N, C-alpha and C. Protein backbone atom coordinates (compact mmCIF):
# COMPACT_ATOMS: atom_id res chain seq x y z
N MET A 1 14.13 96.19 82.57
CA MET A 1 15.30 96.73 81.56
C MET A 1 15.74 97.89 81.74
N THR A 2 16.86 98.16 82.53
CA THR A 2 17.43 99.18 82.90
C THR A 2 18.51 100.14 82.00
N GLU A 3 17.88 101.13 82.18
CA GLU A 3 18.50 102.07 81.13
C GLU A 3 20.00 102.40 81.32
N HIS A 4 21.02 102.69 80.44
CA HIS A 4 22.57 103.15 80.80
C HIS A 4 22.53 104.37 80.12
N ALA A 5 21.73 105.22 79.59
CA ALA A 5 22.45 106.59 79.42
C ALA A 5 22.63 107.16 79.80
N ALA A 6 22.73 106.97 81.47
CA ALA A 6 22.99 108.23 81.77
C ALA A 6 24.43 108.24 82.20
N VAL A 7 25.06 106.77 82.25
CA VAL A 7 27.00 106.64 82.00
C VAL A 7 26.92 107.17 81.41
N ILE A 8 26.59 107.50 79.68
CA ILE A 8 27.72 108.50 78.94
C ILE A 8 27.70 109.20 79.40
N PHE A 9 26.63 110.32 80.08
CA PHE A 9 27.03 111.82 80.63
C PHE A 9 27.84 111.94 81.90
N VAL A 10 27.64 110.73 82.36
CA VAL A 10 28.34 110.98 84.00
C VAL A 10 29.92 110.85 83.11
N PHE A 11 30.13 109.78 82.22
CA PHE A 11 31.71 109.63 81.73
C PHE A 11 31.98 111.06 81.39
N PHE A 12 31.29 111.90 80.31
CA PHE A 12 31.57 113.03 79.89
C PHE A 12 31.72 114.34 80.80
N PHE A 13 30.76 113.90 81.92
CA PHE A 13 30.98 115.11 82.58
C PHE A 13 32.22 114.95 83.93
N LEU A 14 32.57 113.85 83.56
CA LEU A 14 33.91 113.56 85.08
C LEU A 14 35.05 113.91 83.28
N ALA A 15 34.75 113.80 82.48
CA ALA A 15 35.80 113.76 81.91
C ALA A 15 35.71 115.59 81.67
N GLU A 16 35.30 116.12 81.25
CA GLU A 16 34.79 117.54 81.72
C GLU A 16 35.76 118.25 82.85
N TYR A 17 35.46 118.01 84.07
CA TYR A 17 36.38 118.14 85.40
C TYR A 17 37.56 117.40 85.01
N ALA A 18 37.90 116.48 84.66
CA ALA A 18 39.38 116.25 84.86
C ALA A 18 39.83 116.94 83.67
N SER A 19 39.42 117.37 82.58
CA SER A 19 40.19 117.66 81.94
C SER A 19 40.30 119.50 82.36
N ILE A 20 38.93 120.07 83.80
CA ILE A 20 39.76 121.00 84.27
C ILE A 20 41.18 121.29 84.96
N VAL A 21 40.72 119.81 86.16
CA VAL A 21 42.16 119.87 86.80
C VAL A 21 43.78 119.56 85.79
N LEU A 22 43.81 119.22 84.71
CA LEU A 22 44.69 118.72 83.89
C LEU A 22 45.34 120.25 84.08
N ILE A 23 44.30 120.95 83.22
CA ILE A 23 45.04 122.28 83.23
C ILE A 23 45.12 123.36 83.38
N CYS A 24 44.79 123.22 85.08
CA CYS A 24 44.90 124.33 86.17
C CYS A 24 46.44 123.45 86.32
N ILE A 25 46.60 122.25 87.03
CA ILE A 25 47.65 121.81 87.14
C ILE A 25 48.84 122.33 86.57
N LEU A 26 48.48 122.15 84.75
CA LEU A 26 49.62 122.62 84.07
C LEU A 26 50.00 123.97 84.14
N THR A 27 49.02 124.79 84.01
CA THR A 27 48.63 126.40 84.35
C THR A 27 50.06 126.28 85.98
N SER A 28 49.24 126.11 86.67
CA SER A 28 49.94 126.14 87.86
C SER A 28 51.87 125.84 87.59
N ILE A 29 52.21 124.61 86.98
CA ILE A 29 53.68 124.13 86.58
C ILE A 29 54.14 125.15 86.08
N LEU A 30 53.57 125.97 85.25
CA LEU A 30 54.11 126.31 83.80
C LEU A 30 54.28 128.03 83.98
N PHE A 31 53.01 128.38 84.56
CA PHE A 31 53.39 129.52 84.80
C PHE A 31 52.99 130.24 86.35
N LEU A 32 53.22 129.60 87.22
CA LEU A 32 53.23 129.82 88.65
C LEU A 32 54.09 129.12 89.79
N GLY A 33 55.32 128.35 89.20
CA GLY A 33 56.48 128.18 89.62
C GLY A 33 55.87 126.76 89.80
N GLY A 34 54.79 126.16 89.77
CA GLY A 34 54.88 124.99 90.11
C GLY A 34 55.07 123.97 91.06
N TYR A 35 56.02 123.62 91.48
CA TYR A 35 55.97 122.98 93.00
C TYR A 35 57.12 123.72 94.32
N LEU A 36 57.66 124.90 93.40
CA LEU A 36 58.41 125.70 94.25
C LEU A 36 58.14 126.29 95.22
N LEU A 37 58.47 126.52 96.48
CA LEU A 37 57.60 127.76 97.33
C LEU A 37 58.33 129.30 97.04
N ASN A 38 57.39 129.80 97.84
CA ASN A 38 57.92 131.13 98.04
C ASN A 38 58.07 131.39 99.26
N TYR A 39 59.45 131.46 99.56
CA TYR A 39 60.59 131.28 100.61
C TYR A 39 59.65 132.56 101.63
N MET A 40 59.14 133.77 101.50
CA MET A 40 58.76 134.76 102.01
C MET A 40 57.60 134.69 102.22
N THR A 41 56.39 133.37 102.15
CA THR A 41 55.43 133.18 102.70
C THR A 41 55.77 132.29 103.94
N LEU A 42 56.97 131.27 103.99
CA LEU A 42 57.11 130.77 104.98
C LEU A 42 58.09 131.09 105.81
N ILE A 43 59.09 132.78 105.52
CA ILE A 43 59.33 133.49 106.41
C ILE A 43 57.91 134.18 107.35
N TYR A 44 56.42 134.56 106.17
CA TYR A 44 55.35 135.34 107.57
C TYR A 44 55.32 134.53 108.59
N LEU A 45 54.95 132.75 107.34
CA LEU A 45 54.14 131.82 108.12
C LEU A 45 54.84 132.08 109.92
N LEU A 46 56.63 131.76 109.59
CA LEU A 46 57.60 131.40 110.96
C LEU A 46 57.98 133.20 111.35
N GLN A 47 57.54 134.45 111.60
CA GLN A 47 57.56 135.36 111.88
C GLN A 47 58.01 135.25 113.21
N GLU A 48 57.09 134.77 113.55
CA GLU A 48 57.35 135.54 115.70
C GLU A 48 58.22 134.36 115.98
N VAL A 49 59.39 133.57 115.03
CA VAL A 49 60.77 132.75 115.43
C VAL A 49 61.43 133.94 114.80
N ASP A 50 62.91 133.88 116.13
CA ASP A 50 63.73 134.63 116.05
C ASP A 50 64.29 134.51 114.64
N TYR A 51 64.93 132.86 115.00
CA TYR A 51 66.36 132.29 113.41
C TYR A 51 65.29 131.66 112.88
N THR A 52 64.29 132.14 111.51
CA THR A 52 63.48 131.84 110.56
C THR A 52 64.13 131.14 109.51
N SER A 53 65.81 131.24 109.34
CA SER A 53 66.31 130.96 108.33
C SER A 53 66.63 129.42 108.63
N PHE A 54 66.92 129.55 110.36
CA PHE A 54 67.73 128.52 110.30
C PHE A 54 66.83 127.44 110.24
N TYR A 55 65.35 128.01 111.25
CA TYR A 55 64.19 126.81 110.80
C TYR A 55 64.15 126.24 109.33
N ILE A 56 63.83 127.11 108.28
CA ILE A 56 63.18 127.30 106.79
C ILE A 56 64.83 126.28 106.62
N ASP A 57 65.68 125.89 106.54
CA ASP A 57 67.02 124.84 106.61
C ASP A 57 66.39 124.31 107.15
N ILE A 58 66.24 123.55 108.68
CA ILE A 58 65.95 122.47 108.87
C ILE A 58 64.67 121.60 108.38
N LEU A 59 63.45 122.64 107.99
CA LEU A 59 62.32 121.32 107.34
C LEU A 59 62.64 121.60 105.89
N LEU A 60 63.74 122.48 105.32
CA LEU A 60 64.24 121.51 103.78
C LEU A 60 65.13 120.92 104.00
N SER A 61 65.99 120.43 104.83
CA SER A 61 66.72 119.24 104.92
C SER A 61 66.33 118.00 104.88
N ASN A 62 64.69 117.96 105.45
CA ASN A 62 64.32 116.78 105.34
C ASN A 62 63.34 116.09 104.25
N PRO A 63 63.92 115.02 103.67
CA PRO A 63 63.43 114.87 102.14
C PRO A 63 61.64 115.18 102.50
N LEU A 64 61.31 114.25 103.25
CA LEU A 64 60.14 113.90 103.70
C LEU A 64 59.17 115.31 103.82
N ILE A 65 59.47 115.58 104.66
CA ILE A 65 58.78 117.56 104.76
C ILE A 65 58.82 118.01 103.89
N GLU A 66 60.29 118.17 102.90
CA GLU A 66 60.11 118.88 101.65
C GLU A 66 59.29 118.58 100.87
N GLY A 67 59.17 117.32 100.44
CA GLY A 67 58.13 116.51 99.46
C GLY A 67 56.69 116.60 99.76
N LEU A 68 56.65 116.83 101.33
CA LEU A 68 55.02 116.83 101.99
C LEU A 68 55.25 118.93 101.21
N LEU A 69 55.98 119.46 101.72
CA LEU A 69 55.70 121.22 101.65
C LEU A 69 55.71 121.52 99.64
N TYR A 70 56.35 121.07 99.55
CA TYR A 70 56.27 120.88 97.62
C TYR A 70 54.77 120.15 96.89
N GLY A 71 54.38 119.47 97.60
CA GLY A 71 53.42 118.73 97.67
C GLY A 71 52.04 119.16 98.07
N LEU A 72 52.09 120.09 98.80
CA LEU A 72 51.27 121.34 99.69
C LEU A 72 51.09 121.99 98.49
N SER A 73 52.40 122.67 98.21
CA SER A 73 51.85 124.16 97.27
C SER A 73 51.67 123.84 96.17
N ILE A 74 52.17 122.78 95.21
CA ILE A 74 51.72 122.91 93.86
C ILE A 74 49.67 122.36 94.29
N GLY A 75 49.40 121.45 95.28
CA GLY A 75 48.26 121.44 95.18
C GLY A 75 47.26 122.55 95.68
N LEU A 76 47.84 123.37 96.45
CA LEU A 76 47.32 124.82 96.71
C LEU A 76 47.25 125.77 95.99
N LYS A 77 48.54 125.80 94.75
CA LYS A 77 48.57 126.78 93.56
C LYS A 77 47.01 126.42 92.31
N SER A 78 47.39 124.54 92.31
CA SER A 78 46.19 124.30 91.53
C SER A 78 44.94 124.52 92.26
N SER A 79 44.37 123.99 93.17
CA SER A 79 43.42 124.47 94.12
C SER A 79 42.66 125.31 94.00
N ILE A 80 43.76 126.41 94.03
CA ILE A 80 42.85 127.66 93.55
C ILE A 80 42.93 128.11 92.10
N MET A 81 43.39 127.62 91.19
CA MET A 81 43.47 127.83 89.91
C MET A 81 42.09 127.16 89.84
N ILE A 82 41.98 126.24 90.24
CA ILE A 82 40.48 125.50 89.99
C ILE A 82 39.40 125.99 90.23
N PHE A 83 39.34 126.44 91.38
CA PHE A 83 38.10 127.61 92.68
C PHE A 83 37.60 128.49 91.38
N THR A 84 39.25 129.02 90.89
CA THR A 84 39.11 130.21 89.86
C THR A 84 38.55 129.94 88.62
N PHE A 85 38.73 128.61 88.15
CA PHE A 85 38.10 128.44 86.63
C PHE A 85 36.59 127.77 86.74
N ILE A 86 36.08 127.06 87.81
CA ILE A 86 35.08 126.87 87.92
C ILE A 86 34.13 128.21 88.31
N TRP A 87 34.50 128.95 89.40
CA TRP A 87 33.85 129.86 89.37
C TRP A 87 33.67 131.50 88.59
N THR A 88 34.83 131.47 87.79
CA THR A 88 34.12 132.07 86.53
C THR A 88 33.46 131.08 85.44
N ARG A 89 33.58 130.07 85.42
CA ARG A 89 32.85 129.37 84.42
C ARG A 89 31.25 129.39 84.50
N ALA A 90 30.96 129.38 85.61
CA ALA A 90 29.72 129.26 86.44
C ALA A 90 29.25 131.01 86.56
N SER A 91 29.84 131.60 86.43
CA SER A 91 29.59 133.40 86.78
C SER A 91 29.31 133.83 85.30
N PHE A 92 29.95 133.11 84.26
CA PHE A 92 29.08 134.30 83.42
C PHE A 92 28.46 132.91 82.31
N PRO A 93 27.48 133.86 81.38
CA PRO A 93 25.92 132.61 81.21
C PRO A 93 26.79 131.91 79.90
N ARG A 94 26.24 130.86 79.33
CA ARG A 94 26.68 130.15 78.23
C ARG A 94 26.18 130.46 76.67
N ILE A 95 27.01 130.97 76.14
CA ILE A 95 26.78 131.43 74.64
C ILE A 95 26.72 130.01 74.13
N ARG A 96 25.95 130.02 72.80
CA ARG A 96 25.38 129.01 71.50
C ARG A 96 26.45 129.46 71.02
N PHE A 97 27.29 128.69 70.34
CA PHE A 97 28.32 127.98 69.20
C PHE A 97 27.94 129.64 68.23
N ASP A 98 26.45 129.47 67.42
CA ASP A 98 26.18 130.86 66.64
C ASP A 98 26.81 132.25 66.86
N GLN A 99 26.49 132.49 67.84
CA GLN A 99 26.67 133.58 68.88
C GLN A 99 27.92 134.12 69.21
N LEU A 100 28.69 132.87 69.41
CA LEU A 100 30.19 132.88 69.56
C LEU A 100 30.80 133.21 68.20
N MET A 101 30.70 132.88 67.16
CA MET A 101 30.77 132.99 65.81
C MET A 101 31.31 133.86 65.76
N LEU A 102 29.44 134.80 65.28
CA LEU A 102 29.10 135.99 65.24
C LEU A 102 29.98 137.25 65.99
N PHE A 103 30.28 137.03 67.18
CA PHE A 103 31.24 137.90 67.73
C PHE A 103 32.27 137.51 67.48
N SER A 104 32.80 136.42 67.26
CA SER A 104 34.24 136.72 66.29
C SER A 104 34.46 137.24 65.20
N TRP A 105 33.52 136.86 64.04
CA TRP A 105 33.80 137.28 62.75
C TRP A 105 33.50 139.00 62.60
N THR A 106 32.68 139.06 63.45
CA THR A 106 31.48 141.01 63.47
C THR A 106 32.84 141.65 64.29
N ILE A 107 33.37 141.39 65.61
CA ILE A 107 33.53 142.49 66.09
C ILE A 107 34.86 142.07 66.78
N LEU A 108 35.57 141.11 66.64
CA LEU A 108 36.88 140.42 67.16
C LEU A 108 37.94 140.46 66.38
N LEU A 109 37.66 139.91 64.91
CA LEU A 109 37.67 139.98 64.08
C LEU A 109 38.72 141.26 63.47
N PRO A 110 37.53 142.45 62.91
CA PRO A 110 37.82 143.81 62.79
C PRO A 110 39.13 144.85 63.97
N ILE A 111 38.50 144.52 65.42
CA ILE A 111 39.55 144.76 66.42
C ILE A 111 40.91 144.11 65.89
N VAL A 112 40.89 142.99 65.88
CA VAL A 112 42.54 142.26 65.39
C VAL A 112 43.20 143.49 64.31
N ILE A 113 42.55 143.09 63.30
CA ILE A 113 43.02 143.91 61.83
C ILE A 113 43.54 145.09 62.00
N ALA A 114 42.53 145.89 63.32
CA ALA A 114 42.79 147.62 63.52
C ALA A 114 44.48 147.69 64.32
N PHE A 115 44.29 146.60 65.56
CA PHE A 115 45.59 147.18 66.01
C PHE A 115 46.34 146.41 65.00
N ILE A 116 46.37 145.32 64.12
CA ILE A 116 47.59 145.17 63.26
C ILE A 116 48.28 146.22 62.59
N ILE A 117 47.13 146.73 62.28
CA ILE A 117 47.70 148.05 61.27
C ILE A 117 47.94 149.45 62.34
N LEU A 118 47.15 148.96 63.30
CA LEU A 118 47.50 150.83 64.77
C LEU A 118 49.27 150.49 65.04
N VAL A 119 49.17 149.55 65.46
CA VAL A 119 50.63 149.54 66.45
C VAL A 119 52.35 149.61 65.66
N PRO A 120 52.30 148.84 64.43
CA PRO A 120 53.66 149.34 63.51
C PRO A 120 53.68 150.88 63.69
N CYS A 121 51.87 151.73 63.25
CA CYS A 121 51.42 153.03 62.57
C CYS A 121 52.20 154.05 63.77
N VAL A 122 51.61 153.55 64.97
CA VAL A 122 52.25 154.17 66.11
C VAL A 122 53.87 154.25 66.46
N LEU A 123 54.50 152.90 66.40
CA LEU A 123 56.02 152.75 66.59
C LEU A 123 55.98 153.34 65.85
N PHE A 124 55.96 153.41 64.20
CA PHE A 124 56.64 154.58 63.47
C PHE A 124 56.91 156.06 63.91
N SER A 125 55.64 156.48 63.91
CA SER A 125 55.33 157.48 64.03
C SER A 125 56.01 158.24 65.56
N PHE A 126 56.15 157.63 66.54
CA PHE A 126 57.08 158.23 67.96
C PHE A 126 58.20 157.38 67.61
N GLU A 127 58.84 156.90 66.62
CA GLU A 127 60.08 156.19 66.07
C GLU A 127 60.67 155.25 67.18
N ILE A 128 59.30 154.63 67.71
CA ILE A 128 60.06 153.97 68.60
C ILE A 128 60.01 152.39 67.77
N ILE A 129 61.42 152.14 67.73
CA ILE A 129 61.24 151.03 66.28
C ILE A 129 62.44 149.86 67.26
N PRO A 130 61.50 149.31 67.78
CA PRO A 130 62.33 147.82 68.90
C PRO A 130 63.80 147.12 68.26
N SER A 131 64.46 148.46 67.64
CA SER A 131 65.44 147.29 66.61
C SER A 131 66.60 148.02 66.38
N ASN A 132 67.89 147.34 66.56
CA ASN A 132 69.16 149.15 65.98
C ASN A 132 68.57 148.68 64.97
N VAL A 133 68.24 147.60 63.67
CA VAL A 133 68.64 148.06 62.04
C VAL A 133 67.96 149.55 61.47
N SER A 134 68.08 150.28 61.24
CA SER A 134 67.73 151.19 60.14
C SER A 134 66.25 150.93 59.22
N LEU A 135 65.36 151.62 58.98
CA LEU A 135 64.64 150.84 58.12
C LEU A 135 64.56 151.53 56.56
N PHE A 136 65.67 152.87 56.68
CA PHE A 136 65.69 153.99 55.61
C PHE A 136 66.94 153.64 55.28
């Protein structure tokens, strides 16, 4: 009889890394410009050519090359995010759930409450009211 318990772990492991890839792709789309190219990077890559804008227009006029550049752009941005995510995750120790809850309740919650009180007091004391409506 063969034991199939490892299959469940494999699916869990694959689902975890698939969620990392999905979150990194969404992050690159929402916060890093998605498939849009940075033209300054293209100019830097083609800096030896005198007519860089001419060659960029030729490159982006062909739909196949444009699609390839857009795909490479979002792939590179997502790959950098995946590398950063996995590197950060591997660098820090894993915290148990009870330690995380203790840290959140005893340290983070008082800091958040202090900031909720501190920020309006600083704004009021330096008369930095971010609106045109007078409070008095």
